[in-house]
């Protein structure tokens, strides 16, 4: 909805300020959603939603592996 109407406003922020209350969200939240939608569509540079999910997954996996490694180190020194 916002992407369709942005040309009717002087800026993206003006469109978000006007349309956000109609969607029951804050203008900054709407602006972030629009920017992410543009990134996902290839209209804007930046990570896509899929890439952000992959980064989250890899960080979680990295954290788990570090914790496991610390447990193994502690167990090896105990034995």
C-alpha atoms as a PDB file:
ATOM      1  CA  UNK A   1       0.000   0.000   0.000  1.00  0.00           C
ATOM      2  CA  UNK A   2       2.757   2.413   0.928  1.00  0.00           C
ATOM      3  CA  UNK A   3       4.840   1.621  -2.143  1.00  0.00           C
ATOM      4  CA  UNK A   4       1.829   2.256  -4.359  1.00  0.00           C
ATOM      5  CA  UNK A   5       1.137   5.645  -2.772  1.00  0.00           C
ATOM      6  CA  UNK A   6       4.657   6.980  -2.164  1.00  0.00           C
ATOM      7  CA  UNK A   7       4.593   8.977  -5.405  1.00  0.00           C
ATOM      8  CA  UNK A   8       1.664  10.986  -4.002  1.00  0.00           C
ATOM      9  CA  UNK A   9       3.862  12.334  -1.184  1.00  0.00           C
ATOM     10  CA  UNK A  10       6.983  14.509  -1.215  1.00  0.00           C
ATOM     11  CA  UNK A  11       9.075  11.821   0.521  1.00  0.00           C
ATOM     12  CA  UNK A  12       8.965   8.274   1.836  1.00  0.00           C
ATOM     13  CA  UNK A  13       8.887   9.598   5.406  1.00  0.00           C
ATOM     14  CA  UNK A  14       5.875  11.791   4.645  1.00  0.00           C
ATOM     15  CA  UNK A  15       4.055   8.792   3.188  1.00  0.00           C
ATOM     16  CA  UNK A  16       4.917   6.660   6.227  1.00  0.00           C
ATOM     17  CA  UNK A  17       3.791   9.358   8.665  1.00  0.00           C
ATOM     18  CA  UNK A  18       0.471   9.669   6.863  1.00  0.00           C
ATOM     19  CA  UNK A  19      -0.229   5.960   6.296  1.00  0.00           C
ATOM     20  CA  UNK A  20       1.132   4.410   9.516  1.00  0.00           C
ATOM     21  CA  UNK A  21      -1.839   5.358  11.733  1.00  0.00           C
ATOM     22  CA  UNK A  22      -4.192   3.775   9.199  1.00  0.00           C
ATOM     23  CA  UNK A  23      -2.251   0.519   9.570  1.00  0.00           C
ATOM     24  CA  UNK A  24      -1.994   0.824  13.368  1.00  0.00           C
ATOM     25  CA  UNK A  25       1.809   0.876  13.349  1.00  0.00           C
ATOM     26  CA  UNK A  26       4.401   3.544  13.997  1.00  0.00           C
ATOM     27  CA  UNK A  27       5.826   5.517  11.063  1.00  0.00           C
ATOM     28  CA  UNK A  28       9.366   4.237  11.705  1.00  0.00           C
ATOM     29  CA  UNK A  29       8.143   0.638  11.702  1.00  0.00           C
ATOM     30  CA  UNK A  30       6.363   1.193   8.406  1.00  0.00           C
ATOM     31  CA  UNK A  31       9.455   2.864   6.937  1.00  0.00           C
ATOM     32  CA  UNK A  32      11.603  -0.136   7.929  1.00  0.00           C
ATOM     33  CA  UNK A  33       9.089  -2.533   6.389  1.00  0.00           C
ATOM     34  CA  UNK A  34       9.060  -0.548   3.150  1.00  0.00           C
ATOM     35  CA  UNK A  35      12.870  -0.452   3.002  1.00  0.00           C
ATOM     36  CA  UNK A  36      13.045  -4.215   3.614  1.00  0.00           C
ATOM     37  CA  UNK A  37      10.417  -4.845   0.924  1.00  0.00           C
ATOM     38  CA  UNK A  38      12.480  -2.749  -1.479  1.00  0.00           C
ATOM     39  CA  UNK A  39      15.616  -4.736  -0.598  1.00  0.00           C
ATOM     40  CA  UNK A  40      13.769  -8.016  -1.090  1.00  0.00           C
ATOM     41  CA  UNK A  41      12.532  -6.823  -4.495  1.00  0.00           C
ATOM     42  CA  UNK A  42      16.043  -5.752  -5.535  1.00  0.00           C
ATOM     43  CA  UNK A  43      15.099  -2.076  -5.727  1.00  0.00           C
ATOM     44  CA  UNK A  44      17.472  -1.107  -2.903  1.00  0.00           C
ATOM     45  CA  UNK A  45      20.864  -2.399  -1.859  1.00  0.00           C
ATOM     46  CA  UNK A  46      21.132  -4.272   1.392  1.00  0.00           C
ATOM     47  CA  UNK A  47      20.502  -7.724   2.784  1.00  0.00           C
ATOM     48  CA  UNK A  48      17.274  -9.465   1.869  1.00  0.00           C
ATOM     49  CA  UNK A  49      15.011 -11.101   4.428  1.00  0.00           C
ATOM     50  CA  UNK A  50      16.392 -14.508   3.461  1.00  0.00           C
ATOM     51  CA  UNK A  51      19.948 -13.316   3.991  1.00  0.00           C
ATOM     52  CA  UNK A  52      19.057 -11.827   7.378  1.00  0.00           C
ATOM     53  CA  UNK A  53      17.466 -15.130   8.449  1.00  0.00           C
ATOM     54  CA  UNK A  54      20.576 -17.029   7.315  1.00  0.00           C
ATOM     55  CA  UNK A  55      22.813 -14.656   9.298  1.00  0.00           C
ATOM     56  CA  UNK A  56      20.663 -15.176  12.413  1.00  0.00           C
ATOM     57  CA  UNK A  57      20.802 -18.947  11.961  1.00  0.00           C
ATOM     58  CA  UNK A  58      24.584 -18.920  11.525  1.00  0.00           C
ATOM     59  CA  UNK A  59      25.103 -16.701  14.574  1.00  0.00           C
ATOM     60  CA  UNK A  60      22.924 -19.016  16.655  1.00  0.00           C
ATOM     61  CA  UNK A  61      24.835 -22.058  15.380  1.00  0.00           C
ATOM     62  CA  UNK A  62      28.163 -20.332  16.085  1.00  0.00           C
ATOM     63  CA  UNK A  63      27.075 -19.529  19.647  1.00  0.00           C
ATOM     64  CA  UNK A  64      25.965 -23.127  20.242  1.00  0.00           C
ATOM     65  CA  UNK A  65      29.246 -24.486  18.901  1.00  0.00           C
ATOM     66  CA  UNK A  66      31.252 -22.144  21.118  1.00  0.00           C
ATOM     67  CA  UNK A  67      29.268 -23.244  24.168  1.00  0.00           C
ATOM     68  CA  UNK A  68      29.790 -26.899  23.265  1.00  0.00           C
ATOM     69  CA  UNK A  69      33.492 -26.274  22.765  1.00  0.00           C
ATOM     70  CA  UNK A  70      33.757 -24.618  26.199  1.00  0.00           C
ATOM     71  CA  UNK A  71      31.971 -27.590  27.803  1.00  0.00           C
ATOM     72  CA  UNK A  72      34.333 -30.014  26.107  1.00  0.00           C
ATOM     73  CA  UNK A  73      37.377 -28.022  27.212  1.00  0.00           C
ATOM     74  CA  UNK A  74      36.151 -27.990  30.795  1.00  0.00           C
ATOM     75  CA  UNK A  75      35.421 -31.723  30.690  1.00  0.00           C
ATOM     76  CA  UNK A  76      38.853 -32.502  29.223  1.00  0.00           C
ATOM     77  CA  UNK A  77      40.644 -30.586  31.958  1.00  0.00           C
ATOM     78  CA  UNK A  78      38.496 -32.279  34.617  1.00  0.00           C
ATOM     79  CA  UNK A  79      39.295 -35.760  33.364  1.00  0.00           C
END
